[in-house]
Amino acid sequence: MIIIHAGFQVKTDVEQEFLKEIKPLIEASRAEQGNVSYDLLKDTEKAGAYTMVELWKDMEAVQTHNKAEHFTAFLAKAPQFMAAPTDVKLFSAEPISK
C-alpha cells in the first residue's frame, strides 16, 4: 500500500475558492481504480493549512492518478491558491496482522 501526505498552505483570502476547486479532484480520485481513500484534512491550529491523505493499492495506481485529467487540471490551478510549495511525503506500508 502507498500512503501520500500532501501538505498545502493555502492563502487565507482564497481558501473558499481552493475548497471549491479541490472538491472535483477528491471525488474523481476516490473513484479511481486502486484508490483506497482520498481525504482532505484541515489543520485546526494553523490557518490555511491542509493535508491530503491518500491511500493507494500500489505505485501503479499512484502513477495512473498522477496522469489523470482531474489531477493535472488541479495542478495547473493550484499555484494561485498556495502561500508555500506543496509538501509531499510518500510512504510504503503493509497492513499489520492481528
C-alpha atoms as a PDB file:
ATOM      1  CA  MET A   1       0.000   0.000   0.000  1.00  0.00           C
ATOM      2  CA  ILE A   2       1.180   3.521  -0.791  1.00  0.00           C
ATOM      3  CA  ILE A   3       0.367   6.417   1.539  1.00  0.00           C
ATOM      4  CA  ILE A   4       0.758  10.028   0.423  1.00  0.00           C
ATOM      5  CA  HIS A   5       0.558  13.117   2.625  1.00  0.00           C
ATOM      6  CA  ALA A   6       0.376  16.287   0.533  1.00  0.00           C
ATOM      7  CA  GLY A   7       0.576  19.394   2.697  1.00  0.00           C
ATOM      8  CA  PHE A   8      -0.970  22.618   1.393  1.00  0.00           C
ATOM      9  CA  GLN A   9      -0.505  26.082   2.851  1.00  0.00           C
ATOM     10  CA  VAL A  10      -3.379  27.990   1.269  1.00  0.00           C
ATOM     11  CA  LYS A  11      -3.629  31.774   1.091  1.00  0.00           C
ATOM     12  CA  THR A  12      -6.442  32.587   3.518  1.00  0.00           C
ATOM     13  CA  ASP A  13      -8.060  35.126   1.167  1.00  0.00           C
ATOM     14  CA  VAL A  14      -8.678  32.401  -1.464  1.00  0.00           C
ATOM     15  CA  GLU A  15      -9.373  29.481   0.879  1.00  0.00           C
ATOM     16  CA  GLN A  16     -13.033  29.075  -0.126  1.00  0.00           C
ATOM     17  CA  GLU A  17     -12.131  29.089  -3.826  1.00  0.00           C
ATOM     18  CA  PHE A  18      -9.424  26.465  -3.131  1.00  0.00           C
ATOM     19  CA  LEU A  19     -12.014  24.242  -1.424  1.00  0.00           C
ATOM     20  CA  LYS A  20     -14.381  24.641  -4.374  1.00  0.00           C
ATOM     21  CA  GLU A  21     -11.650  23.746  -6.878  1.00  0.00           C
ATOM     22  CA  ILE A  22     -10.295  20.745  -4.960  1.00  0.00           C
ATOM     23  CA  LYS A  23     -13.692  19.080  -4.467  1.00  0.00           C
ATOM     24  CA  PRO A  24     -13.884  17.595  -8.011  1.00  0.00           C
ATOM     25  CA  LEU A  25     -10.320  16.279  -7.607  1.00  0.00           C
ATOM     26  CA  ILE A  26     -11.293  14.483  -4.403  1.00  0.00           C
ATOM     27  CA  GLU A  27     -14.457  12.986  -5.889  1.00  0.00           C
ATOM     28  CA  ALA A  28     -12.773  11.796  -9.103  1.00  0.00           C
ATOM     29  CA  SER A  29      -9.730  10.435  -7.264  1.00  0.00           C
ATOM     30  CA  ARG A  30     -11.902   8.377  -4.918  1.00  0.00           C
ATOM     31  CA  ALA A  31     -13.495   6.761  -7.992  1.00  0.00           C
ATOM     32  CA  GLU A  32     -10.151   5.703  -9.471  1.00  0.00           C
ATOM     33  CA  GLN A  33      -9.210   2.051  -9.592  1.00  0.00           C
ATOM     34  CA  GLY A  34      -6.586   1.379  -6.952  1.00  0.00           C
ATOM     35  CA  ASN A  35      -7.686   4.180  -4.627  1.00  0.00           C
ATOM     36  CA  VAL A  36      -8.350   3.095  -1.049  1.00  0.00           C
ATOM     37  CA  SER A  37      -9.099   6.567   0.354  1.00  0.00           C
ATOM     38  CA  TYR A  38      -8.539  10.233  -0.507  1.00  0.00           C
ATOM     39  CA  ASP A  39      -9.273  12.725   2.260  1.00  0.00           C
ATOM     40  CA  LEU A  40      -8.559  16.426   2.726  1.00  0.00           C
ATOM     41  CA  LEU A  41      -7.914  17.294   6.379  1.00  0.00           C
ATOM     42  CA  LYS A  42      -7.811  20.830   7.792  1.00  0.00           C
ATOM     43  CA  ASP A  43      -5.290  21.760  10.458  1.00  0.00           C
ATOM     44  CA  THR A  44      -7.204  23.081  13.463  1.00  0.00           C
ATOM     45  CA  GLU A  45      -4.285  25.112  14.782  1.00  0.00           C
ATOM     46  CA  LYS A  46      -2.770  26.733  11.674  1.00  0.00           C
ATOM     47  CA  ALA A  47      -4.796  28.964   9.344  1.00  0.00           C
ATOM     48  CA  GLY A  48      -4.944  27.808   5.742  1.00  0.00           C
ATOM     49  CA  ALA A  49      -3.125  24.532   6.415  1.00  0.00           C
ATOM     50  CA  TYR A  50      -4.487  21.339   4.851  1.00  0.00           C
ATOM     51  CA  THR A  51      -3.200  17.814   4.290  1.00  0.00           C
ATOM     52  CA  MET A  52      -4.444  15.469   1.587  1.00  0.00           C
ATOM     53  CA  VAL A  53      -4.123  11.935   2.948  1.00  0.00           C
ATOM     54  CA  GLU A  54      -4.170   9.400   0.132  1.00  0.00           C
ATOM     55  CA  LEU A  55      -4.079   5.603   0.304  1.00  0.00           C
ATOM     56  CA  TRP A  56      -3.408   3.668  -2.890  1.00  0.00           C
ATOM     57  CA  LYS A  57      -3.291  -0.053  -3.627  1.00  0.00           C
ATOM     58  CA  ASP A  58       0.152   0.201  -5.280  1.00  0.00           C
ATOM     59  CA  MET A  59       2.582   2.514  -7.058  1.00  0.00           C
ATOM     60  CA  GLU A  60       0.980   1.754 -10.420  1.00  0.00           C
ATOM     61  CA  ALA A  61      -2.292   3.269  -9.143  1.00  0.00           C
ATOM     62  CA  VAL A  62      -0.392   6.378  -7.991  1.00  0.00           C
ATOM     63  CA  GLN A  63       1.273   6.760 -11.389  1.00  0.00           C
ATOM     64  CA  THR A  64      -2.079   6.427 -13.158  1.00  0.00           C
ATOM     65  CA  HIS A  65      -3.578   9.010 -10.793  1.00  0.00           C
ATOM     66  CA  ASN A  66      -0.717  11.437 -11.460  1.00  0.00           C
ATOM     67  CA  LYS A  67      -1.571  11.347 -15.193  1.00  0.00           C
ATOM     68  CA  ALA A  68      -5.351  11.663 -14.730  1.00  0.00           C
ATOM     69  CA  GLU A  69      -7.034  14.741 -16.186  1.00  0.00           C
ATOM     70  CA  HIS A  70      -8.667  15.755 -12.892  1.00  0.00           C
ATOM     71  CA  PHE A  71      -5.254  15.664 -11.170  1.00  0.00           C
ATOM     72  CA  THR A  72      -3.339  17.567 -13.856  1.00  0.00           C
ATOM     73  CA  ALA A  73      -6.153  20.134 -14.150  1.00  0.00           C
ATOM     74  CA  PHE A  74      -5.997  20.825 -10.413  1.00  0.00           C
ATOM     75  CA  LEU A  75      -2.183  21.046 -10.501  1.00  0.00           C
ATOM     76  CA  ALA A  76      -2.448  23.740 -13.179  1.00  0.00           C
ATOM     77  CA  LYS A  77      -4.770  25.827 -10.955  1.00  0.00           C
ATOM     78  CA  ALA A  78      -3.083  25.118  -7.596  1.00  0.00           C
ATOM     79  CA  PRO A  79      -0.310  27.762  -7.632  1.00  0.00           C
ATOM     80  CA  GLN A  80      -2.833  30.618  -7.428  1.00  0.00           C
ATOM     81  CA  PHE A  81      -4.048  29.266  -4.063  1.00  0.00           C
ATOM     82  CA  MET A  82      -0.736  28.394  -2.423  1.00  0.00           C
ATOM     83  CA  ALA A  83       1.206  30.504   0.053  1.00  0.00           C
ATOM     84  CA  ALA A  84       4.075  27.962   0.002  1.00  0.00           C
ATOM     85  CA  PRO A  85       5.176  24.996  -2.120  1.00  0.00           C
ATOM     86  CA  THR A  86       3.237  21.774  -1.606  1.00  0.00           C
ATOM     87  CA  ASP A  87       4.990  19.399   0.805  1.00  0.00           C
ATOM     88  CA  VAL A  88       4.544  15.839  -0.476  1.00  0.00           C
ATOM     89  CA  LYS A  89       5.601  12.782   1.522  1.00  0.00           C
ATOM     90  CA  LEU A  90       5.268   9.278   0.101  1.00  0.00           C
ATOM     91  CA  PHE A  91       5.279   6.139   2.259  1.00  0.00           C
ATOM     92  CA  SER A  92       5.126   2.435   1.540  1.00  0.00           C
ATOM     93  CA  ALA A  93       3.191   0.389   4.089  1.00  0.00           C
ATOM     94  CA  GLU A  94       1.833  -3.046   4.797  1.00  0.00           C
ATOM     95  CA  PRO A  95      -1.189  -3.784   6.968  1.00  0.00           C
ATOM     96  CA  ILE A  96      -0.374  -5.193  10.383  1.00  0.00           C
ATOM     97  CA  SER A  97      -1.973  -8.567  11.024  1.00  0.00           C
ATOM     98  CA  LYS A  98      -3.761  -9.003  14.330  1.00  0.00           C
END
